[in-house]
Amino acid sequence: MLQVKGLHTYYGSLCALREVSLLVEQGQIVTLIGANGAGKTTLLRTISGIIQPTQGSITFEGQRIDGLGPHKIVQMGICQVPEGRGLFPDLTVWENLRMGAYTLRDKENIEEGIASAVEMFPRLAERIGQKAGTMSGGEQQMLAVARALVLKPRLLMLDEPSLGLAPILVDQVFAKIQEINRMGTTILLVEQNARRALMLADVGYVLRTGEVILRDDASKLMENAVVRESYLGG
């Protein structure tokens, strides 16, 4: 579904990604793990078209997407839930969901997309008229994911979905990610909680200072000595 080949991305003169290659098959959960500053978020932002690569290619369902604008990439079926959620705090839950449907023009598709997203997260129906900024962290994360689901993406990219959440809410978020995947959405997951991410994923990539240093089945990475020592606490 998604193929990244030989990607180089710079912030000014700083090389943030170097010769990164990645493969995501349809139906998989693929996770990226690594320390802060390893390049995980930069990779998602490059795939989304927010940052343009200086070298390499990104292909989605057989079509080159590097060089396209973010709105075009969203229309092709790739949605990203950013780190920090990126909600509009002074807008209501419904208004935030409506913003997720910005690229849709058909009213019926908009209403259907919002209804489907709320069905996935019933708590949002109870908060539909509440301002997003007044909700709990867990509810805000649900809204951020639901907003992306309004477009019924084929590839959903999640950046640190468990960040700042209480353990019980982390369990709920990961359960929802698994449910979304079972319903047919392919997922590319960036997650600081490497153990939980690898338990959920089919395949894992380990990034270090902008380079992929390991790629394997997630279950095998959990047994890898380097991964265990560096990311799983031994």
C-alpha atoms as a PDB file:
ATOM      1  CA  MET A   1       0.000   0.000   0.000  1.00  0.00           C
ATOM      2  CA  LEU A   2       2.749   2.443   0.983  1.00  0.00           C
ATOM      3  CA  GLN A   3       6.357   2.294  -0.144  1.00  0.00           C
ATOM      4  CA  VAL A   4       9.025   4.761   0.946  1.00  0.00           C
ATOM      5  CA  LYS A   5      12.385   4.406  -0.829  1.00  0.00           C
ATOM      6  CA  GLY A   6      15.682   6.143  -0.058  1.00  0.00           C
ATOM      7  CA  LEU A   7      14.049   9.127   1.617  1.00  0.00           C
ATOM      8  CA  HIS A   8      16.150  12.133   2.669  1.00  0.00           C
ATOM      9  CA  THR A   9      14.478  15.024   4.494  1.00  0.00           C
ATOM     10  CA  TYR A  10      16.160  18.187   5.753  1.00  0.00           C
ATOM     11  CA  TYR A  11      15.288  20.993   8.142  1.00  0.00           C
ATOM     12  CA  GLY A  12      17.455  23.704   6.644  1.00  0.00           C
ATOM     13  CA  SER A  13      20.974  22.232   6.662  1.00  0.00           C
ATOM     14  CA  LEU A  14      20.050  19.541   9.233  1.00  0.00           C
ATOM     15  CA  CYS A  15      19.471  16.070   7.795  1.00  0.00           C
ATOM     16  CA  ALA A  16      16.467  14.681   9.708  1.00  0.00           C
ATOM     17  CA  LEU A  17      15.980  11.521   7.613  1.00  0.00           C
ATOM     18  CA  ARG A  18      18.728   9.695   5.785  1.00  0.00           C
ATOM     19  CA  GLU A  19      18.133   6.917   3.230  1.00  0.00           C
ATOM     20  CA  VAL A  20      14.899   5.791   4.931  1.00  0.00           C
ATOM     21  CA  SER A  21      12.937   2.993   3.284  1.00  0.00           C
ATOM     22  CA  LEU A  22       9.633   1.627   4.566  1.00  0.00           C
ATOM     23  CA  LEU A  23       6.962  -0.797   3.386  1.00  0.00           C
ATOM     24  CA  VAL A  24       3.380  -0.947   4.640  1.00  0.00           C
ATOM     25  CA  GLU A  25       1.142  -3.717   3.327  1.00  0.00           C
ATOM     26  CA  GLN A  26      -2.612  -3.304   3.143  1.00  0.00           C
ATOM     27  CA  GLY A  27      -4.302  -4.331   6.391  1.00  0.00           C
ATOM     28  CA  GLN A  28      -1.174  -4.170   8.527  1.00  0.00           C
ATOM     29  CA  ILE A  29      -0.317  -2.223  11.644  1.00  0.00           C
ATOM     30  CA  VAL A  30       3.245  -1.007  11.206  1.00  0.00           C
ATOM     31  CA  THR A  31       4.964   0.820  14.057  1.00  0.00           C
ATOM     32  CA  LEU A  32       7.958   3.146  14.186  1.00  0.00           C
ATOM     33  CA  ILE A  33       9.893   3.182  17.432  1.00  0.00           C
ATOM     34  CA  GLY A  34      12.933   5.176  18.512  1.00  0.00           C
ATOM     35  CA  ALA A  35      14.089   7.833  20.949  1.00  0.00           C
ATOM     36  CA  ASN A  36      12.948  11.454  20.802  1.00  0.00           C
ATOM     37  CA  GLY A  37      14.565  13.130  17.805  1.00  0.00           C
ATOM     38  CA  ALA A  38      15.014   9.864  15.892  1.00  0.00           C
ATOM     39  CA  GLY A  39      12.950  11.148  12.965  1.00  0.00           C
ATOM     40  CA  LYS A  40       9.635   9.352  13.522  1.00  0.00           C
ATOM     41  CA  THR A  41       7.397  12.425  13.358  1.00  0.00           C
ATOM     42  CA  THR A  42       9.436  13.836  10.471  1.00  0.00           C
ATOM     43  CA  LEU A  43       8.762  10.656   8.496  1.00  0.00           C
ATOM     44  CA  LEU A  44       4.998  10.940   9.031  1.00  0.00           C
ATOM     45  CA  ARG A  45       5.049  14.633   8.132  1.00  0.00           C
ATOM     46  CA  THR A  46       7.015  13.853   4.963  1.00  0.00           C
ATOM     47  CA  ILE A  47       4.533  11.142   3.942  1.00  0.00           C
ATOM     48  CA  SER A  48       1.692  13.614   4.618  1.00  0.00           C
ATOM     49  CA  GLY A  49       3.296  16.222   2.348  1.00  0.00           C
ATOM     50  CA  ILE A  50       3.757  18.755   5.152  1.00  0.00           C
ATOM     51  CA  ILE A  51       7.519  18.520   4.590  1.00  0.00           C
ATOM     52  CA  GLN A  52       8.958  17.866   1.148  1.00  0.00           C
ATOM     53  CA  PRO A  53      11.803  15.344   0.830  1.00  0.00           C
ATOM     54  CA  THR A  54      15.005  16.317  -0.940  1.00  0.00           C
ATOM     55  CA  GLN A  55      15.612  12.813  -2.249  1.00  0.00           C
ATOM     56  CA  GLY A  56      13.814   9.490  -2.570  1.00  0.00           C
ATOM     57  CA  SER A  57      10.238   8.524  -3.403  1.00  0.00           C
ATOM     58  CA  ILE A  58       6.923   7.843  -1.672  1.00  0.00           C
ATOM     59  CA  THR A  59       4.383   5.652  -3.454  1.00  0.00           C
ATOM     60  CA  PHE A  60       0.817   5.073  -2.249  1.00  0.00           C
ATOM     61  CA  GLU A  61      -1.263   2.391  -3.944  1.00  0.00           C
ATOM     62  CA  GLY A  62       1.025   2.526  -6.957  1.00  0.00           C
ATOM     63  CA  GLN A  63       1.043   6.316  -7.346  1.00  0.00           C
ATOM     64  CA  ARG A  64       3.917   8.683  -6.509  1.00  0.00           C
ATOM     65  CA  ILE A  65       2.825  11.181  -3.856  1.00  0.00           C
ATOM     66  CA  ASP A  66       6.089  12.901  -2.963  1.00  0.00           C
ATOM     67  CA  GLY A  67       5.786  16.459  -4.211  1.00  0.00           C
ATOM     68  CA  LEU A  68       2.010  16.597  -3.745  1.00  0.00           C
ATOM     69  CA  GLY A  69       0.401  19.019  -1.307  1.00  0.00           C
ATOM     70  CA  PRO A  70      -1.082  17.727   1.980  1.00  0.00           C
ATOM     71  CA  HIS A  71      -4.687  18.299   0.835  1.00  0.00           C
ATOM     72  CA  LYS A  72      -4.125  16.129  -2.237  1.00  0.00           C
ATOM     73  CA  ILE A  73      -2.615  13.359  -0.113  1.00  0.00           C
ATOM     74  CA  VAL A  74      -5.577  13.475   2.268  1.00  0.00           C
ATOM     75  CA  GLN A  75      -7.958  13.189  -0.678  1.00  0.00           C
ATOM     76  CA  MET A  76      -6.086  10.059  -1.804  1.00  0.00           C
ATOM     77  CA  GLY A  77      -6.887   8.330   1.493  1.00  0.00           C
ATOM     78  CA  ILE A  78      -4.021   9.111   3.912  1.00  0.00           C
ATOM     79  CA  CYS A  79      -4.902  10.867   7.166  1.00  0.00           C
ATOM     80  CA  GLN A  80      -2.579  11.763  10.045  1.00  0.00           C
ATOM     81  CA  VAL A  81      -3.491  12.276  13.697  1.00  0.00           C
ATOM     82  CA  PRO A  82      -0.686  14.576  14.854  1.00  0.00           C
ATOM     83  CA  GLU A  83       1.209  14.490  18.121  1.00  0.00           C
ATOM     84  CA  GLY A  84      -0.568  16.837  20.515  1.00  0.00           C
ATOM     85  CA  ARG A  85      -3.882  16.114  18.728  1.00  0.00           C
ATOM     86  CA  GLY A  86      -4.109  19.433  16.856  1.00  0.00           C
ATOM     87  CA  LEU A  87      -7.714  20.109  17.838  1.00  0.00           C
ATOM     88  CA  PHE A  88      -9.459  23.469  17.661  1.00  0.00           C
ATOM     89  CA  PRO A  89     -10.018  24.028  21.406  1.00  0.00           C
ATOM     90  CA  ASP A  90     -12.646  26.771  21.050  1.00  0.00           C
ATOM     91  CA  LEU A  91     -14.731  24.782  18.587  1.00  0.00           C
ATOM     92  CA  THR A  92     -17.226  22.145  19.678  1.00  0.00           C
ATOM     93  CA  VAL A  93     -16.803  18.420  19.153  1.00  0.00           C
ATOM     94  CA  TRP A  94     -19.195  18.572  16.198  1.00  0.00           C
ATOM     95  CA  GLU A  95     -17.350  21.532  14.671  1.00  0.00           C
ATOM     96  CA  ASN A  96     -14.004  19.726  14.998  1.00  0.00           C
ATOM     97  CA  LEU A  97     -15.474  16.670  13.306  1.00  0.00           C
ATOM     98  CA  ARG A  98     -16.892  18.904  10.577  1.00  0.00           C
ATOM     99  CA  MET A  99     -13.397  20.314  10.010  1.00  0.00           C
ATOM    100  CA  GLY A 100     -12.228  16.738   9.458  1.00  0.00           C
ATOM    101  CA  ALA A 101     -14.639  16.601   6.526  1.00  0.00           C
ATOM    102  CA  TYR A 102     -13.233  19.779   4.972  1.00  0.00           C
ATOM    103  CA  THR A 103     -12.217  18.113   1.704  1.00  0.00           C
ATOM    104  CA  LEU A 104     -15.626  16.461   1.259  1.00  0.00           C
ATOM    105  CA  ARG A 105     -18.179  18.286  -0.853  1.00  0.00           C
ATOM    106  CA  ASP A 106     -21.162  15.927  -0.697  1.00  0.00           C
ATOM    107  CA  LYS A 107     -23.398  16.644   2.327  1.00  0.00           C
ATOM    108  CA  GLU A 108     -24.498  13.021   2.550  1.00  0.00           C
ATOM    109  CA  ASN A 109     -20.882  11.821   2.711  1.00  0.00           C
ATOM    110  CA  ILE A 110     -20.099  14.403   5.394  1.00  0.00           C
ATOM    111  CA  GLU A 111     -23.018  13.345   7.584  1.00  0.00           C
ATOM    112  CA  GLU A 112     -22.268   9.670   7.058  1.00  0.00           C
ATOM    113  CA  GLY A 113     -18.585  10.158   7.891  1.00  0.00           C
ATOM    114  CA  ILE A 114     -19.325  12.059  11.100  1.00  0.00           C
ATOM    115  CA  ALA A 115     -21.958   9.520  12.179  1.00  0.00           C
ATOM    116  CA  SER A 116     -19.556   6.654  11.553  1.00  0.00           C
ATOM    117  CA  ALA A 117     -16.774   8.355  13.534  1.00  0.00           C
ATOM    118  CA  VAL A 118     -19.065   9.059  16.484  1.00  0.00           C
ATOM    119  CA  GLU A 119     -20.294   5.460  16.412  1.00  0.00           C
ATOM    120  CA  MET A 120     -16.674   4.353  16.876  1.00  0.00           C
ATOM    121  CA  PHE A 121     -16.358   6.688  19.900  1.00  0.00           C
ATOM    122  CA  PRO A 122     -19.826   6.863  21.563  1.00  0.00           C
ATOM    123  CA  ARG A 123     -18.511   9.168  24.306  1.00  0.00           C
ATOM    124  CA  LEU A 124     -18.239  11.923  21.706  1.00  0.00           C
ATOM    125  CA  ALA A 125     -21.993  11.796  21.116  1.00  0.00           C
ATOM    126  CA  GLU A 126     -22.426  12.848  24.754  1.00  0.00           C
ATOM    127  CA  ARG A 127     -19.994  15.739  24.230  1.00  0.00           C
ATOM    128  CA  ILE A 128     -21.100  16.769  20.739  1.00  0.00           C
ATOM    129  CA  GLY A 129     -21.846  20.404  21.711  1.00  0.00           C
ATOM    130  CA  GLN A 130     -18.959  20.794  24.166  1.00  0.00           C
ATOM    131  CA  LYS A 131     -15.848  22.780  23.336  1.00  0.00           C
ATOM    132  CA  ALA A 132     -12.931  20.473  22.625  1.00  0.00           C
ATOM    133  CA  GLY A 133     -10.572  22.375  24.920  1.00  0.00           C
ATOM    134  CA  THR A 134     -12.732  21.639  27.970  1.00  0.00           C
ATOM    135  CA  MET A 135     -12.621  17.852  27.585  1.00  0.00           C
ATOM    136  CA  SER A 136     -10.256  15.405  29.276  1.00  0.00           C
ATOM    137  CA  GLY A 137      -7.054  14.293  27.576  1.00  0.00           C
ATOM    138  CA  GLY A 138      -8.539  10.911  26.757  1.00  0.00           C
ATOM    139  CA  GLU A 139     -11.651  12.450  25.224  1.00  0.00           C
ATOM    140  CA  GLN A 140      -9.532  14.837  23.187  1.00  0.00           C
ATOM    141  CA  GLN A 141      -7.494  11.937  21.823  1.00  0.00           C
ATOM    142  CA  MET A 142     -10.715  10.130  20.873  1.00  0.00           C
ATOM    143  CA  LEU A 143     -11.849  13.265  19.050  1.00  0.00           C
ATOM    144  CA  ALA A 144      -8.535  13.620  17.213  1.00  0.00           C
ATOM    145  CA  VAL A 145      -8.792  10.056  15.920  1.00  0.00           C
ATOM    146  CA  ALA A 146     -12.491  10.386  15.126  1.00  0.00           C
ATOM    147  CA  ARG A 147     -11.839  13.572  13.137  1.00  0.00           C
ATOM    148  CA  ALA A 148      -9.430  11.633  10.908  1.00  0.00           C
ATOM    149  CA  LEU A 149     -11.907   8.758  10.552  1.00  0.00           C
ATOM    150  CA  VAL A 150     -14.574  11.102   9.143  1.00  0.00           C
ATOM    151  CA  LEU A 151     -12.804  10.798   5.788  1.00  0.00           C
ATOM    152  CA  LYS A 152     -12.734   6.988   6.020  1.00  0.00           C
ATOM    153  CA  PRO A 153      -8.997   6.859   5.267  1.00  0.00           C
ATOM    154  CA  ARG A 154      -7.376   3.769   3.846  1.00  0.00           C
ATOM    155  CA  LEU A 155      -4.138   4.575   5.688  1.00  0.00           C
ATOM    156  CA  LEU A 156      -4.319   6.151   9.155  1.00  0.00           C
ATOM    157  CA  MET A 157      -1.087   7.542  10.604  1.00  0.00           C
ATOM    158  CA  LEU A 158      -1.041   8.042  14.374  1.00  0.00           C
ATOM    159  CA  ASP A 159       1.662  10.086  16.103  1.00  0.00           C
ATOM    160  CA  GLU A 160       2.035   9.331  19.837  1.00  0.00           C
ATOM    161  CA  PRO A 161      -1.650   8.544  20.529  1.00  0.00           C
ATOM    162  CA  SER A 162      -0.984   7.512  24.159  1.00  0.00           C
ATOM    163  CA  LEU A 163       1.101  10.569  25.060  1.00  0.00           C
ATOM    164  CA  GLY A 164       0.104  12.063  28.421  1.00  0.00           C
ATOM    165  CA  LEU A 165      -2.745   9.632  29.061  1.00  0.00           C
ATOM    166  CA  ALA A 166      -3.427   7.664  32.240  1.00  0.00           C
ATOM    167  CA  PRO A 167      -2.736   3.894  31.949  1.00  0.00           C
ATOM    168  CA  ILE A 168      -6.418   2.940  31.783  1.00  0.00           C
ATOM    169  CA  LEU A 169      -6.941   5.404  28.923  1.00  0.00           C
ATOM    170  CA  VAL A 170      -3.872   4.058  27.140  1.00  0.00           C
ATOM    171  CA  ASP A 171      -5.538   0.629  27.187  1.00  0.00           C
ATOM    172  CA  GLN A 172      -8.688   2.111  25.667  1.00  0.00           C
ATOM    173  CA  VAL A 173      -6.782   3.945  22.937  1.00  0.00           C
ATOM    174  CA  PHE A 174      -4.836   0.855  21.901  1.00  0.00           C
ATOM    175  CA  ALA A 175      -8.018  -1.223  21.907  1.00  0.00           C
ATOM    176  CA  LYS A 176      -9.629   1.299  19.562  1.00  0.00           C
ATOM    177  CA  ILE A 177      -6.594   1.290  17.258  1.00  0.00           C
ATOM    178  CA  GLN A 178      -6.885  -2.482  17.014  1.00  0.00           C
ATOM    179  CA  GLU A 179     -10.632  -2.229  16.330  1.00  0.00           C
ATOM    180  CA  ILE A 180     -10.102   0.367  13.590  1.00  0.00           C
ATOM    181  CA  ASN A 181      -7.544  -1.926  11.974  1.00  0.00           C
ATOM    182  CA  ARG A 182      -9.853  -4.945  12.159  1.00  0.00           C
ATOM    183  CA  MET A 183     -12.489  -2.918  10.333  1.00  0.00           C
ATOM    184  CA  GLY A 184     -10.115  -2.578   7.382  1.00  0.00           C
ATOM    185  CA  THR A 185      -7.972   0.522   7.947  1.00  0.00           C
ATOM    186  CA  THR A 186      -4.215   0.127   7.549  1.00  0.00           C
ATOM    187  CA  ILE A 187      -2.264   1.859  10.316  1.00  0.00           C
ATOM    188  CA  LEU A 188       1.179   3.428  10.578  1.00  0.00           C
ATOM    189  CA  LEU A 189       1.857   4.076  14.253  1.00  0.00           C
ATOM    190  CA  VAL A 190       4.483   6.220  15.959  1.00  0.00           C
ATOM    191  CA  GLU A 191       4.529   5.463  19.668  1.00  0.00           C
ATOM    192  CA  GLN A 192       6.933   6.191  22.525  1.00  0.00           C
ATOM    193  CA  ASN A 193       5.556   3.205  24.449  1.00  0.00           C
ATOM    194  CA  ALA A 194       7.559   0.724  22.393  1.00  0.00           C
ATOM    195  CA  ARG A 195       6.376  -2.377  24.229  1.00  0.00           C
ATOM    196  CA  ARG A 196       2.689  -1.632  23.697  1.00  0.00           C
ATOM    197  CA  ALA A 197       3.292  -0.627  20.083  1.00  0.00           C
ATOM    198  CA  LEU A 198       5.130  -3.842  19.265  1.00  0.00           C
ATOM    199  CA  MET A 199       2.471  -5.933  21.015  1.00  0.00           C
ATOM    200  CA  LEU A 200      -0.116  -4.354  18.706  1.00  0.00           C
ATOM    201  CA  ALA A 201       1.812  -4.219  15.434  1.00  0.00           C
ATOM    202  CA  ASP A 202       2.564  -6.737  12.696  1.00  0.00           C
ATOM    203  CA  VAL A 203       5.869  -5.142  11.685  1.00  0.00           C
ATOM    204  CA  GLY A 204       8.193  -2.708  13.418  1.00  0.00           C
ATOM    205  CA  TYR A 205      10.914  -0.310  12.315  1.00  0.00           C
ATOM    206  CA  VAL A 206      13.520   1.129  14.661  1.00  0.00           C
ATOM    207  CA  LEU A 207      14.803   4.615  13.834  1.00  0.00           C
ATOM    208  CA  ARG A 208      17.957   6.132  15.261  1.00  0.00           C
ATOM    209  CA  THR A 209      19.153   9.646  14.350  1.00  0.00           C
ATOM    210  CA  GLY A 210      17.170   9.666  11.122  1.00  0.00           C
ATOM    211  CA  GLU A 211      18.053   6.186   9.877  1.00  0.00           C
ATOM    212  CA  VAL A 212      16.308   2.819   9.961  1.00  0.00           C
ATOM    213  CA  ILE A 213      18.589   0.505  11.938  1.00  0.00           C
ATOM    214  CA  LEU A 214      16.222  -2.465  12.308  1.00  0.00           C
ATOM    215  CA  ARG A 215      13.149  -3.825  10.571  1.00  0.00           C
ATOM    216  CA  ASP A 216      11.422  -7.093  11.494  1.00  0.00           C
ATOM    217  CA  ASP A 217       8.205  -8.743  12.580  1.00  0.00           C
ATOM    218  CA  ALA A 218       7.061  -6.953  15.720  1.00  0.00           C
ATOM    219  CA  SER A 219       7.175 -10.156  17.776  1.00  0.00           C
ATOM    220  CA  LYS A 220      10.803 -10.748  16.764  1.00  0.00           C
ATOM    221  CA  LEU A 221      11.781  -7.169  17.594  1.00  0.00           C
ATOM    222  CA  MET A 222      10.444  -7.694  21.104  1.00  0.00           C
ATOM    223  CA  GLU A 223      12.988 -10.497  21.511  1.00  0.00           C
ATOM    224  CA  ASN A 224      15.839  -8.545  19.895  1.00  0.00           C
ATOM    225  CA  ALA A 225      18.603  -7.809  22.413  1.00  0.00           C
ATOM    226  CA  VAL A 226      19.248  -4.270  21.108  1.00  0.00           C
ATOM    227  CA  VAL A 227      15.555  -3.381  21.180  1.00  0.00           C
ATOM    228  CA  ARG A 228      15.043  -4.887  24.630  1.00  0.00           C
ATOM    229  CA  GLU A 229      17.990  -3.019  26.111  1.00  0.00           C
ATOM    230  CA  SER A 230      17.391   0.317  24.395  1.00  0.00           C
ATOM    231  CA  TYR A 231      13.580   0.591  24.219  1.00  0.00           C
ATOM    232  CA  LEU A 232      11.937  -2.046  26.408  1.00  0.00           C
ATOM    233  CA  GLY A 233      13.868  -1.587  29.614  1.00  0.00           C
ATOM    234  CA  GLY A 234      15.815  -4.833  29.323  1.00  0.00           C
END
